[in-house]
PDB file of N, CA and C in Angstrom:
ATOM      1  N   MET A   1      16.641  11.599  -2.528  1.00  0.00           N
ATOM      2  CA  MET A   1      15.774  11.529  -3.564  1.00  0.00           C
ATOM      3  C   MET A   1      16.099  13.053  -4.011  1.00  0.00           C
ATOM      4  N   ASP A   2      15.599  13.653  -4.617  1.00  0.00           N
ATOM      5  CA  ASP A   2      15.496  15.118  -5.218  1.00  0.00           C
ATOM      6  C   ASP A   2      14.721  16.142  -4.466  1.00  0.00           C
ATOM      7  N   ASN A   3      14.881  17.227  -4.255  1.00  0.00           N
ATOM      8  CA  ASN A   3      13.981  17.866  -3.172  1.00  0.00           C
ATOM      9  C   ASN A   3      13.360  18.751  -3.792  1.00  0.00           C
ATOM     10  N   GLU A   4      13.037  18.311  -5.012  1.00  0.00           N
ATOM     11  CA  GLU A   4      11.998  19.131  -6.058  1.00  0.00           C
ATOM     12  C   GLU A   4      11.052  18.278  -6.515  1.00  0.00           C
ATOM     13  N   LEU A   5       9.710  17.940  -6.054  1.00  0.00           N
ATOM     14  CA  LEU A   5       8.883  16.450  -6.337  1.00  0.00           C
ATOM     15  C   LEU A   5       8.266  17.042  -7.210  1.00  0.00           C
ATOM     16  N   SER A   6       8.080  16.298  -8.415  1.00  0.00           N
ATOM     17  CA  SER A   6       7.018  16.954  -9.603  1.00  0.00           C
ATOM     18  C   SER A   6       5.553  16.250  -8.506  1.00  0.00           C
ATOM     19  N   LYS A   7       4.425  17.043  -9.535  1.00  0.00           N
ATOM     20  CA  LYS A   7       3.111  16.974  -9.112  1.00  0.00           C
ATOM     21  C   LYS A   7       2.566  15.633  -9.110  1.00  0.00           C
ATOM     22  N   GLU A   8       3.067  14.698 -10.130  1.00  0.00           N
ATOM     23  CA  GLU A   8       3.007  13.495  -9.760  1.00  0.00           C
ATOM     24  C   GLU A   8       3.375  12.827  -8.459  1.00  0.00           C
ATOM     25  N   THR A   9       4.677  12.866  -8.149  1.00  0.00           N
ATOM     26  CA  THR A   9       5.352  12.235  -6.770  1.00  0.00           C
ATOM     27  C   THR A   9       4.612  12.575  -5.788  1.00  0.00           C
ATOM     28  N   GLU A  10       4.189  13.875  -5.756  1.00  0.00           N
ATOM     29  CA  GLU A  10       3.206  14.844  -4.864  1.00  0.00           C
ATOM     30  C   GLU A  10       1.965  13.499  -4.560  1.00  0.00           C
ATOM     31  N   GLU A  11       1.347  13.617  -5.282  1.00  0.00           N
ATOM     32  CA  GLU A  11      -0.036  12.804  -5.550  1.00  0.00           C
ATOM     33  C   GLU A  11       0.190  11.976  -5.224  1.00  0.00           C
ATOM     34  N   PHE A  12       1.489  10.773  -5.601  1.00  0.00           N
ATOM     35  CA  PHE A  12       1.314   9.874  -4.974  1.00  0.00           C
ATOM     36  C   PHE A  12       2.163   9.756  -3.737  1.00  0.00           C
ATOM     37  N   LEU A  13       2.592  10.281  -3.242  1.00  0.00           N
ATOM     38  CA  LEU A  13       2.655  10.270  -2.065  1.00  0.00           C
ATOM     39  C   LEU A  13       1.683  10.664  -0.594  1.00  0.00           C
ATOM     40  N   VAL A  14       0.720  11.869  -1.602  1.00  0.00           N
ATOM     41  CA  VAL A  14      -0.611  11.977  -0.548  1.00  0.00           C
ATOM     42  C   VAL A  14      -1.378  11.005  -0.365  1.00  0.00           C
ATOM     43  N   GLN A  15      -1.620   9.565  -1.431  1.00  0.00           N
ATOM     44  CA  GLN A  15      -2.065   8.616  -1.346  1.00  0.00           C
ATOM     45  C   GLN A  15      -0.709   7.832  -0.450  1.00  0.00           C
ATOM     46  N   LEU A  16       0.305   7.828  -0.688  1.00  0.00           N
ATOM     47  CA  LEU A  16       0.869   6.643   0.226  1.00  0.00           C
ATOM     48  C   LEU A  16       0.582   7.328   1.767  1.00  0.00           C
ATOM     49  N   VAL A  17       0.456   8.348   2.206  1.00  0.00           N
ATOM     50  CA  VAL A  17       0.195   8.854   3.251  1.00  0.00           C
ATOM     51  C   VAL A  17      -1.303   8.110   3.571  1.00  0.00           C
ATOM     52  N   ARG A  18      -1.980   8.597   3.184  1.00  0.00           N
ATOM     53  CA  ARG A  18      -3.478   7.831   3.240  1.00  0.00           C
ATOM     54  C   ARG A  18      -2.946   6.571   3.080  1.00  0.00           C
ATOM     55  N   LEU A  19      -2.519   5.694   2.914  1.00  0.00           N
ATOM     56  CA  LEU A  19      -2.132   4.470   2.935  1.00  0.00           C
ATOM     57  C   LEU A  19      -1.886   3.831   4.181  1.00  0.00           C
ATOM     58  N   ASN A  20      -0.947   4.747   4.804  1.00  0.00           N
ATOM     59  CA  ASN A  20      -0.177   4.405   5.901  1.00  0.00           C
ATOM     60  C   ASN A  20      -1.326   4.486   6.685  1.00  0.00           C
ATOM     61  N   GLY A  21      -2.231   5.618   6.972  1.00  0.00           N
ATOM     62  CA  GLY A  21      -3.050   5.919   7.870  1.00  0.00           C
ATOM     63  C   GLY A  21      -3.864   4.775   8.504  1.00  0.00           C
ATOM     64  N   THR A  22      -4.584   4.278   7.069  1.00  0.00           N
ATOM     65  CA  THR A  22      -5.518   3.579   6.922  1.00  0.00           C
ATOM     66  C   THR A  22      -5.081   2.247   7.470  1.00  0.00           C
ATOM     67  N   MET A  23      -3.380   1.981   7.204  1.00  0.00           N
ATOM     68  CA  MET A  23      -3.136   0.244   7.447  1.00  0.00           C
ATOM     69  C   MET A  23      -2.680   0.419   9.323  1.00  0.00           C
ATOM     70  N   LYS A  24      -2.262   2.071   9.749  1.00  0.00           N
ATOM     71  CA  LYS A  24      -2.614   2.260  11.219  1.00  0.00           C
ATOM     72  C   LYS A  24      -3.540   2.004  11.681  1.00  0.00           C
ATOM     73  N   GLU A  25      -4.773   1.996  11.239  1.00  0.00           N
ATOM     74  CA  GLU A  25      -5.893   2.040  11.907  1.00  0.00           C
ATOM     75  C   GLU A  25      -6.104   0.993  11.808  1.00  0.00           C
ATOM     76  N   LEU A  26      -6.056   0.011  11.057  1.00  0.00           N
ATOM     77  CA  LEU A  26      -6.487  -1.457  10.771  1.00  0.00           C
ATOM     78  C   LEU A  26      -5.863  -2.154  11.425  1.00  0.00           C
ATOM     79  N   PHE A  27      -4.691  -1.809  11.632  1.00  0.00           N
ATOM     80  CA  PHE A  27      -3.738  -2.901  12.807  1.00  0.00           C
ATOM     81  C   PHE A  27      -3.936  -2.359  14.127  1.00  0.00           C
ATOM     82  N   SER A  28      -4.559  -1.600  14.139  1.00  0.00           N
ATOM     83  CA  SER A  28      -4.945  -1.210  15.842  1.00  0.00           C
ATOM     84  C   SER A  28      -6.342  -1.424  16.208  1.00  0.00           C
ATOM     85  N   SER A  29      -7.545  -1.913  15.354  1.00  0.00           N
ATOM     86  CA  SER A  29      -8.543  -1.885  15.052  1.00  0.00           C
ATOM     87  C   SER A  29      -8.840  -3.368  14.876  1.00  0.00           C
ATOM     88  N   GLY A  30      -8.405  -3.903  14.170  1.00  0.00           N
ATOM     89  CA  GLY A  30      -8.432  -5.017  13.235  1.00  0.00           C
ATOM     90  C   GLY A  30      -9.751  -5.277  12.173  1.00  0.00           C
ATOM     91  N   ASN A  31     -10.412  -4.126  12.000  1.00  0.00           N
ATOM     92  CA  ASN A  31     -11.775  -3.359  11.310  1.00  0.00           C
ATOM     93  C   ASN A  31     -11.148  -4.095   9.880  1.00  0.00           C
ATOM     94  N   ILE A  32     -11.677  -4.936   9.055  1.00  0.00           N
ATOM     95  CA  ILE A  32     -11.425  -5.319   7.824  1.00  0.00           C
ATOM     96  C   ILE A  32     -12.162  -4.485   6.702  1.00  0.00           C
ATOM     97  N   GLU A  33     -13.250  -3.643   7.572  1.00  0.00           N
ATOM     98  CA  GLU A  33     -14.010  -3.077   6.512  1.00  0.00           C
ATOM     99  C   GLU A  33     -13.156  -1.704   6.243  1.00  0.00           C
ATOM    100  N   LEU A  34     -11.831  -1.451   6.335  1.00  0.00           N
ATOM    101  CA  LEU A  34     -11.002  -0.570   5.986  1.00  0.00           C
ATOM    102  C   LEU A  34     -10.141  -0.901   4.704  1.00  0.00           C
ATOM    103  N   PHE A  35     -10.394  -2.157   4.002  1.00  0.00           N
ATOM    104  CA  PHE A  35      -9.922  -2.657   2.808  1.00  0.00           C
ATOM    105  C   PHE A  35     -10.255  -1.714   1.960  1.00  0.00           C
ATOM    106  N   PRO A  36     -11.924  -1.631   1.781  1.00  0.00           N
ATOM    107  CA  PRO A  36     -11.877  -0.715   0.124  1.00  0.00           C
ATOM    108  C   PRO A  36     -11.095   0.971   0.368  1.00  0.00           C
ATOM    109  N   GLU A  37     -10.736   1.517   1.783  1.00  0.00           N
ATOM    110  CA  GLU A  37     -10.244   2.698   1.803  1.00  0.00           C
ATOM    111  C   GLU A  37      -8.738   2.096   1.284  1.00  0.00           C
ATOM    112  N   MET A  38      -7.950   1.490   2.134  1.00  0.00           N
ATOM    113  CA  MET A  38      -6.681   0.917   1.129  1.00  0.00           C
ATOM    114  C   MET A  38      -7.012   0.663  -0.312  1.00  0.00           C
ATOM    115  N   ASN A  39      -7.612   0.039  -0.720  1.00  0.00           N
ATOM    116  CA  ASN A  39      -7.853  -0.326  -1.859  1.00  0.00           C
ATOM    117  C   ASN A  39      -7.520   1.128  -2.526  1.00  0.00           C
ATOM    118  N   ASP A  40      -8.710   2.213  -2.689  1.00  0.00           N
ATOM    119  CA  ASP A  40      -8.910   3.258  -3.167  1.00  0.00           C
ATOM    120  C   ASP A  40      -7.399   3.850  -3.309  1.00  0.00           C
ATOM    121  N   ALA A  41      -6.815   4.129  -1.974  1.00  0.00           N
ATOM    122  CA  ALA A  41      -5.828   4.498  -2.153  1.00  0.00           C
ATOM    123  C   ALA A  41      -4.289   3.741  -3.090  1.00  0.00           C
ATOM    124  N   ILE A  42      -4.634   2.910  -3.076  1.00  0.00           N
ATOM    125  CA  ILE A  42      -3.402   1.373  -3.845  1.00  0.00           C
ATOM    126  C   ILE A  42      -3.794   2.191  -5.241  1.00  0.00           C
ATOM    127  N   LYS A  43      -5.120   1.776  -5.569  1.00  0.00           N
ATOM    128  CA  LYS A  43      -5.598   2.309  -7.007  1.00  0.00           C
ATOM    129  C   LYS A  43      -5.024   3.350  -7.691  1.00  0.00           C
ATOM    130  N   LYS A  44      -5.306   4.713  -6.840  1.00  0.00           N
ATOM    131  CA  LYS A  44      -4.834   5.937  -6.845  1.00  0.00           C
ATOM    132  C   LYS A  44      -3.200   6.138  -6.908  1.00  0.00           C
ATOM    133  N   MET A  45      -2.660   5.297  -6.271  1.00  0.00           N
ATOM    134  CA  MET A  45      -1.720   5.217  -6.264  1.00  0.00           C
ATOM    135  C   MET A  45      -1.093   5.011  -7.606  1.00  0.00           C
ATOM    136  N   HIS A  46      -1.051   3.140  -8.061  1.00  0.00           N
ATOM    137  CA  HIS A  46      -0.809   2.515  -8.942  1.00  0.00           C
ATOM    138  C   HIS A  46      -1.415   3.660 -10.088  1.00  0.00           C
ATOM    139  N   ALA A  47      -2.402   4.460 -10.400  1.00  0.00           N
ATOM    140  CA  ALA A  47      -2.791   5.369 -11.605  1.00  0.00           C
ATOM    141  C   ALA A  47      -2.242   6.342 -11.738  1.00  0.00           C
ATOM    142  N   VAL A  48      -0.965   6.832 -10.399  1.00  0.00           N
ATOM    143  CA  VAL A  48      -0.251   8.062 -11.045  1.00  0.00           C
ATOM    144  C   VAL A  48       0.992   7.450 -11.118  1.00  0.00           C
ATOM    145  N   GLN A  49       1.605   6.187 -10.398  1.00  0.00           N
ATOM    146  CA  GLN A  49       2.792   5.934 -10.795  1.00  0.00           C
ATOM    147  C   GLN A  49       3.201   5.138 -11.850  1.00  0.00           C
ATOM    148  N   HIS A  50       2.005   4.106 -12.166  1.00  0.00           N
ATOM    149  CA  HIS A  50       2.326   3.106 -13.599  1.00  0.00           C
ATOM    150  C   HIS A  50       2.412   3.513 -14.267  1.00  0.00           C
ATOM    151  N   GLY A  51       3.713   3.438 -15.317  1.00  0.00           N
ATOM    152  CA  GLY A  51       4.113   3.664 -16.379  1.00  0.00           C
ATOM    153  C   GLY A  51       4.615   5.295 -16.554  1.00  0.00           C
ATOM    154  N   SER A  52       4.895   6.084 -15.381  1.00  0.00           N
ATOM    155  CA  SER A  52       5.315   7.150 -15.275  1.00  0.00           C
ATOM    156  C   SER A  52       6.737   7.265 -15.425  1.00  0.00           C
ATOM    157  N   LYS A  53       7.218   8.405 -16.285  1.00  0.00           N
ATOM    158  CA  LYS A  53       8.620   8.681 -16.680  1.00  0.00           C
ATOM    159  C   LYS A  53       9.420   9.376 -15.609  1.00  0.00           C
ATOM    160  N   ASP A  54       8.762   9.455 -14.359  1.00  0.00           N
ATOM    161  CA  ASP A  54       9.136  10.464 -13.022  1.00  0.00           C
ATOM    162  C   ASP A  54      10.195   9.569 -12.217  1.00  0.00           C
ATOM    163  N   ALA A  55      11.687  10.413 -12.389  1.00  0.00           N
ATOM    164  CA  ALA A  55      12.696   9.502 -11.773  1.00  0.00           C
ATOM    165  C   ALA A  55      12.244   8.649 -10.564  1.00  0.00           C
ATOM    166  N   VAL A  56      11.813   9.621  -9.827  1.00  0.00           N
ATOM    167  CA  VAL A  56      11.324   9.494  -8.495  1.00  0.00           C
ATOM    168  C   VAL A  56      10.115   7.777  -8.142  1.00  0.00           C
ATOM    169  N   LEU A  57       8.959   7.892  -9.430  1.00  0.00           N
ATOM    170  CA  LEU A  57       8.409   7.192  -9.129  1.00  0.00           C
ATOM    171  C   LEU A  57       8.985   5.845  -9.785  1.00  0.00           C
ATOM    172  N   GLU A  58       9.943   5.738 -10.779  1.00  0.00           N
ATOM    173  CA  GLU A  58      10.754   4.642 -11.492  1.00  0.00           C
ATOM    174  C   GLU A  58      11.186   3.706  -9.973  1.00  0.00           C
ATOM    175  N   ALA A  59      12.095   5.286  -9.613  1.00  0.00           N
ATOM    176  CA  ALA A  59      13.171   4.452  -8.374  1.00  0.00           C
ATOM    177  C   ALA A  59      12.463   3.542  -7.267  1.00  0.00           C
ATOM    178  N   VAL A  60      10.918   3.794  -6.932  1.00  0.00           N
ATOM    179  CA  VAL A  60       9.811   3.088  -6.026  1.00  0.00           C
ATOM    180  C   VAL A  60       9.260   1.838  -6.922  1.00  0.00           C
ATOM    181  N   ASP A  61       9.626   2.075  -8.150  1.00  0.00           N
ATOM    182  CA  ASP A  61       8.656   0.936  -8.668  1.00  0.00           C
ATOM    183  C   ASP A  61       8.652  -0.405  -8.107  1.00  0.00           C
ATOM    184  N   PRO A  62      10.307  -1.190  -7.817  1.00  0.00           N
ATOM    185  CA  PRO A  62       9.914  -2.312  -6.992  1.00  0.00           C
ATOM    186  C   PRO A  62       9.116  -2.356  -5.889  1.00  0.00           C
ATOM    187  N   GLU A  63       9.032  -1.169  -4.841  1.00  0.00           N
ATOM    188  CA  GLU A  63       8.480  -1.100  -3.568  1.00  0.00           C
ATOM    189  C   GLU A  63       7.001  -1.288  -4.306  1.00  0.00           C
ATOM    190  N   CYS A  64       6.625  -0.394  -5.147  1.00  0.00           N
ATOM    191  CA  CYS A  64       5.403  -0.489  -5.468  1.00  0.00           C
ATOM    192  C   CYS A  64       4.581  -1.544  -5.964  1.00  0.00           C
ATOM    193  N   ALA A  65       5.837  -2.616  -6.478  1.00  0.00           N
ATOM    194  CA  ALA A  65       5.123  -3.913  -7.182  1.00  0.00           C
ATOM    195  C   ALA A  65       4.510  -4.958  -5.344  1.00  0.00           C
ATOM    196  N   VAL A  66       5.822  -4.372  -4.553  1.00  0.00           N
ATOM    197  CA  VAL A  66       5.203  -5.152  -3.185  1.00  0.00           C
ATOM    198  C   VAL A  66       3.789  -4.962  -2.840  1.00  0.00           C
ATOM    199  N   ILE A  67       3.871  -3.369  -2.972  1.00  0.00           N
ATOM    200  CA  ILE A  67       2.593  -3.048  -2.326  1.00  0.00           C
ATOM    201  C   ILE A  67       1.211  -3.799  -3.328  1.00  0.00           C
ATOM    202  N   TYR A  68       1.410  -3.499  -4.367  1.00  0.00           N
ATOM    203  CA  TYR A  68      -0.215  -4.168  -5.440  1.00  0.00           C
ATOM    204  C   TYR A  68      -0.245  -5.647  -5.400  1.00  0.00           C
ATOM    205  N   GLY A  69       0.928  -6.304  -5.590  1.00  0.00           N
ATOM    206  CA  GLY A  69       1.089  -7.853  -5.393  1.00  0.00           C
ATOM    207  C   GLY A  69       0.063  -8.207  -4.262  1.00  0.00           C
ATOM    208  N   ASN A  70       0.830  -7.536  -3.005  1.00  0.00           N
ATOM    209  CA  ASN A  70       0.178  -8.350  -1.685  1.00  0.00           C
ATOM    210  C   ASN A  70      -1.395  -7.975  -1.654  1.00  0.00           C
ATOM    211  N   PHE A  71      -1.419  -6.287  -1.854  1.00  0.00           N
ATOM    212  CA  PHE A  71      -3.081  -6.153  -1.838  1.00  0.00           C
ATOM    213  C   PHE A  71      -3.974  -7.171  -2.724  1.00  0.00           C
ATOM    214  N   ASP A  72      -3.424  -7.260  -3.952  1.00  0.00           N
ATOM    215  CA  ASP A  72      -4.421  -7.982  -4.821  1.00  0.00           C
ATOM    216  C   ASP A  72      -4.328  -9.665  -4.031  1.00  0.00           C
ATOM    217  N   MET A  73      -3.235 -10.123  -3.238  1.00  0.00           N
ATOM    218  CA  MET A  73      -3.140 -12.001  -2.991  1.00  0.00           C
ATOM    219  C   MET A  73      -4.490 -11.771  -1.986  1.00  0.00           C
ATOM    220  N   ILE A  74      -4.481 -10.303  -0.782  1.00  0.00           N
ATOM    221  CA  ILE A  74      -5.553 -10.080   0.292  1.00  0.00           C
ATOM    222  C   ILE A  74      -6.410 -10.089  -0.186  1.00  0.00           C
ATOM    223  N   VAL A  75      -7.034  -9.451  -1.425  1.00  0.00           N
ATOM    224  CA  VAL A  75      -8.118  -9.499  -2.231  1.00  0.00           C
ATOM    225  C   VAL A  75      -8.791 -10.852  -2.483  1.00  0.00           C
ATOM    226  N   LYS A  76      -7.664 -11.788  -2.875  1.00  0.00           N
ATOM    227  CA  LYS A  76      -7.873 -12.781  -3.343  1.00  0.00           C
ATOM    228  C   LYS A  76      -8.449 -13.767  -1.927  1.00  0.00           C
ATOM    229  N   LEU A  77      -7.432 -13.629  -0.799  1.00  0.00           N
ATOM    230  CA  LEU A  77      -7.250 -14.493   0.304  1.00  0.00           C
ATOM    231  C   LEU A  77      -9.188 -14.298   1.119  1.00  0.00           C
ATOM    232  N   LEU A  78      -9.623 -12.855   0.684  1.00  0.00           N
ATOM    233  CA  LEU A  78     -10.647 -12.315   1.348  1.00  0.00           C
ATOM    234  C   LEU A  78     -11.983 -12.851   0.559  1.00  0.00           C
ATOM    235  N   ARG A  79     -11.447 -13.185  -0.510  1.00  0.00           N
ATOM    236  CA  ARG A  79     -12.632 -13.512  -1.424  1.00  0.00           C
ATOM    237  C   ARG A  79     -12.990 -14.908  -1.007  1.00  0.00           C
ATOM    238  N   THR A  80     -12.197 -16.258  -0.486  1.00  0.00           N
ATOM    239  CA  THR A  80     -12.017 -17.265  -0.073  1.00  0.00           C
ATOM    240  C   THR A  80     -12.571 -17.177   1.174  1.00  0.00           C
ATOM    241  N   THR A  81     -12.973 -16.475   1.912  1.00  0.00           N
ATOM    242  CA  THR A  81     -13.455 -16.795   3.065  1.00  0.00           C
ATOM    243  C   THR A  81     -15.251 -17.065   3.768  1.00  0.00           C
ATOM    244  N   ASP A  82     -15.920 -15.821   2.817  1.00  0.00           N
ATOM    245  CA  ASP A  82     -16.947 -15.855   2.983  1.00  0.00           C
ATOM    246  C   ASP A  82     -17.168 -15.076   3.973  1.00  0.00           C
ATOM    247  N   GLY A  83     -16.429 -14.258   4.067  1.00  0.00           N
ATOM    248  CA  GLY A  83     -16.837 -13.607   5.789  1.00  0.00           C
ATOM    249  C   GLY A  83     -16.407 -13.818   7.039  1.00  0.00           C
ATOM    250  N   GLU A  84     -15.774 -14.868   7.111  1.00  0.00           N
ATOM    251  CA  GLU A  84     -15.325 -15.813   8.450  1.00  0.00           C
ATOM    252  C   GLU A  84     -13.921 -15.972   8.139  1.00  0.00           C
ATOM    253  N   ILE A  85     -13.511 -15.004   8.701  1.00  0.00           N
ATOM    254  CA  ILE A  85     -11.701 -15.156   9.217  1.00  0.00           C
ATOM    255  C   ILE A  85     -10.970 -15.899  10.119  1.00  0.00           C
ATOM    256  N   ASP A  86     -10.752 -17.150   9.691  1.00  0.00           N
ATOM    257  CA  ASP A  86     -10.319 -18.115  10.750  1.00  0.00           C
ATOM    258  C   ASP A  86      -8.602 -17.739  11.148  1.00  0.00           C
ATOM    259  N   ALA A  87      -8.127 -18.762  12.101  1.00  0.00           N
ATOM    260  CA  ALA A  87      -6.891 -18.179  12.364  1.00  0.00           C
ATOM    261  C   ALA A  87      -5.652 -18.289  11.003  1.00  0.00           C
ATOM    262  N   ALA A  88      -5.674 -19.179  10.157  1.00  0.00           N
ATOM    263  CA  ALA A  88      -5.107 -19.178   9.113  1.00  0.00           C
ATOM    264  C   ALA A  88      -5.047 -17.922   8.392  1.00  0.00           C
ATOM    265  N   THR A  89      -6.097 -17.747   8.129  1.00  0.00           N
ATOM    266  CA  THR A  89      -6.560 -16.739   7.287  1.00  0.00           C
ATOM    267  C   THR A  89      -5.774 -15.478   7.850  1.00  0.00           C
ATOM    268  N   GLN A  90      -6.520 -15.199   8.748  1.00  0.00           N
ATOM    269  CA  GLN A  90      -5.784 -14.182  10.184  1.00  0.00           C
ATOM    270  C   GLN A  90      -4.193 -13.726   9.739  1.00  0.00           C
ATOM    271  N   LYS A  91      -3.484 -15.060   9.582  1.00  0.00           N
ATOM    272  CA  LYS A  91      -1.883 -15.237   9.569  1.00  0.00           C
ATOM    273  C   LYS A  91      -1.737 -15.000   8.555  1.00  0.00           C
ATOM    274  N   GLY A  92      -2.392 -15.019   6.861  1.00  0.00           N
ATOM    275  CA  GLY A  92      -1.947 -15.057   5.855  1.00  0.00           C
ATOM    276  C   GLY A  92      -2.111 -13.598   5.601  1.00  0.00           C
ATOM    277  N   LEU A  93      -3.520 -12.796   6.212  1.00  0.00           N
ATOM    278  CA  LEU A  93      -3.599 -11.413   5.891  1.00  0.00           C
ATOM    279  C   LEU A  93      -2.455 -10.786   6.450  1.00  0.00           C
ATOM    280  N   ASN A  94      -2.119 -11.275   7.772  1.00  0.00           N
ATOM    281  CA  ASN A  94      -1.069 -10.610   8.637  1.00  0.00           C
ATOM    282  C   ASN A  94      -0.057 -10.473   8.099  1.00  0.00           C
ATOM    283  N   LYS A  95       0.939 -11.110   7.340  1.00  0.00           N
ATOM    284  CA  LYS A  95       1.615 -11.515   6.628  1.00  0.00           C
ATOM    285  C   LYS A  95       2.113 -10.440   5.414  1.00  0.00           C
ATOM    286  N   LEU A  96       1.202 -10.599   4.464  1.00  0.00           N
ATOM    287  CA  LEU A  96       0.465  -9.784   3.856  1.00  0.00           C
ATOM    288  C   LEU A  96       0.480  -8.486   3.973  1.00  0.00           C
ATOM    289  N   LEU A  97      -0.144  -7.723   4.777  1.00  0.00           N
ATOM    290  CA  LEU A  97      -0.075  -6.560   5.382  1.00  0.00           C
ATOM    291  C   LEU A  97       1.226  -6.086   5.893  1.00  0.00           C
ATOM    292  N   HIS A  98       1.965  -6.831   6.585  1.00  0.00           N
ATOM    293  CA  HIS A  98       3.490  -6.624   7.031  1.00  0.00           C
ATOM    294  C   HIS A  98       3.953  -6.154   5.751  1.00  0.00           C
ATOM    295  N   ASN A  99       4.190  -7.085   4.668  1.00  0.00           N
ATOM    296  CA  ASN A  99       4.887  -6.697   3.349  1.00  0.00           C
ATOM    297  C   ASN A  99       4.648  -5.596   3.103  1.00  0.00           C
ATOM    298  N   ILE A 100       3.362  -5.057   3.089  1.00  0.00           N
ATOM    299  CA  ILE A 100       2.631  -3.961   2.585  1.00  0.00           C
ATOM    300  C   ILE A 100       3.655  -2.537   3.660  1.00  0.00           C
ATOM    301  N   ASP A 101       3.089  -2.534   4.966  1.00  0.00           N
ATOM    302  CA  ASP A 101       3.308  -1.842   5.956  1.00  0.00           C
ATOM    303  C   ASP A 101       5.037  -1.337   5.237  1.00  0.00           C
ATOM    304  N   GLU A 102       6.133  -2.589   5.222  1.00  0.00           N
ATOM    305  CA  GLU A 102       7.285  -2.635   4.783  1.00  0.00           C
ATOM    306  C   GLU A 102       7.652  -1.482   3.884  1.00  0.00           C
ATOM    307  N   ALA A 103       7.099  -2.242   2.655  1.00  0.00           N
ATOM    308  CA  ALA A 103       6.974  -1.312   1.244  1.00  0.00           C
ATOM    309  C   ALA A 103       6.900   0.455   1.552  1.00  0.00           C
ATOM    310  N   VAL A 104       5.824   0.460   2.217  1.00  0.00           N
ATOM    311  CA  VAL A 104       5.433   1.897   2.602  1.00  0.00           C
ATOM    312  C   VAL A 104       6.575   2.350   3.068  1.00  0.00           C
ATOM    313  N   VAL A 105       6.906   2.324   4.204  1.00  0.00           N
ATOM    314  CA  VAL A 105       8.080   2.560   5.284  1.00  0.00           C
ATOM    315  C   VAL A 105       9.154   2.393   3.855  1.00  0.00           C
ATOM    316  N   ASN A 106       9.750   1.720   3.265  1.00  0.00           N
ATOM    317  CA  ASN A 106      10.705   2.044   2.574  1.00  0.00           C
ATOM    318  C   ASN A 106      10.731   3.344   1.282  1.00  0.00           C
ATOM    319  N   ILE A 107       9.530   3.186   0.921  1.00  0.00           N
ATOM    320  CA  ILE A 107       9.121   4.353   0.092  1.00  0.00           C
ATOM    321  C   ILE A 107       9.265   5.448   0.749  1.00  0.00           C
ATOM    322  N   ALA A 108       8.645   5.527   1.751  1.00  0.00           N
ATOM    323  CA  ALA A 108       8.742   6.753   2.569  1.00  0.00           C
ATOM    324  C   ALA A 108      10.141   7.209   2.767  1.00  0.00           C
ATOM    325  N   ALA A 109      11.014   6.149   3.371  1.00  0.00           N
ATOM    326  CA  ALA A 109      12.618   6.455   3.742  1.00  0.00           C
ATOM    327  C   ALA A 109      13.246   6.909   2.253  1.00  0.00           C
ATOM    328  N   ALA A 110      12.881   6.239   1.293  1.00  0.00           N
ATOM    329  CA  ALA A 110      13.648   6.829   0.014  1.00  0.00           C
ATOM    330  C   ALA A 110      13.452   7.869  -0.458  1.00  0.00           C
ATOM    331  N   VAL A 111      12.135   8.506  -0.363  1.00  0.00           N
ATOM    332  CA  VAL A 111      11.455   9.890  -0.426  1.00  0.00           C
ATOM    333  C   VAL A 111      11.994  10.786   0.569  1.00  0.00           C
ATOM    334  N   GLY A 112      12.423  10.627   1.914  1.00  0.00           N
ATOM    335  CA  GLY A 112      13.204  11.421   2.938  1.00  0.00           C
ATOM    336  C   GLY A 112      11.745  12.033   3.446  1.00  0.00           C
ATOM    337  N   LEU A 113      10.482  11.081   3.917  1.00  0.00           N
ATOM    338  CA  LEU A 113       9.295  11.558   4.203  1.00  0.00           C
ATOM    339  C   LEU A 113       9.770  10.701   5.919  1.00  0.00           C
ATOM    340  N   VAL A 114      10.732   9.635   6.219  1.00  0.00           N
ATOM    341  CA  VAL A 114      11.310   9.227   7.713  1.00  0.00           C
ATOM    342  C   VAL A 114      12.713   9.167   7.567  1.00  0.00           C
TER     343      VAL A 114
END
């Protein structure tokens, strides 16, 4: 990707790093109370990226769609649990979180962060 990043791209990447850090903490602790932090980072990423004409942000759109779609599914899944996460729910959450994590890594690689 380009060495010169726009302010939009820089803000998007700040939120991406924030999301990655929150997910790292979530994976290590299992603390589902971190989901609002993830949600905030994802909302800010979407606000910057959605509809942007920035070439970098357009290029990562497919991976962003994975992040947004999988997080929406997490929210829907959690709304069905009444606060109780059984083994099947945990398996679903893990798969959705893995998909988000993979997309975050792919975006980071595409922009040269890793």
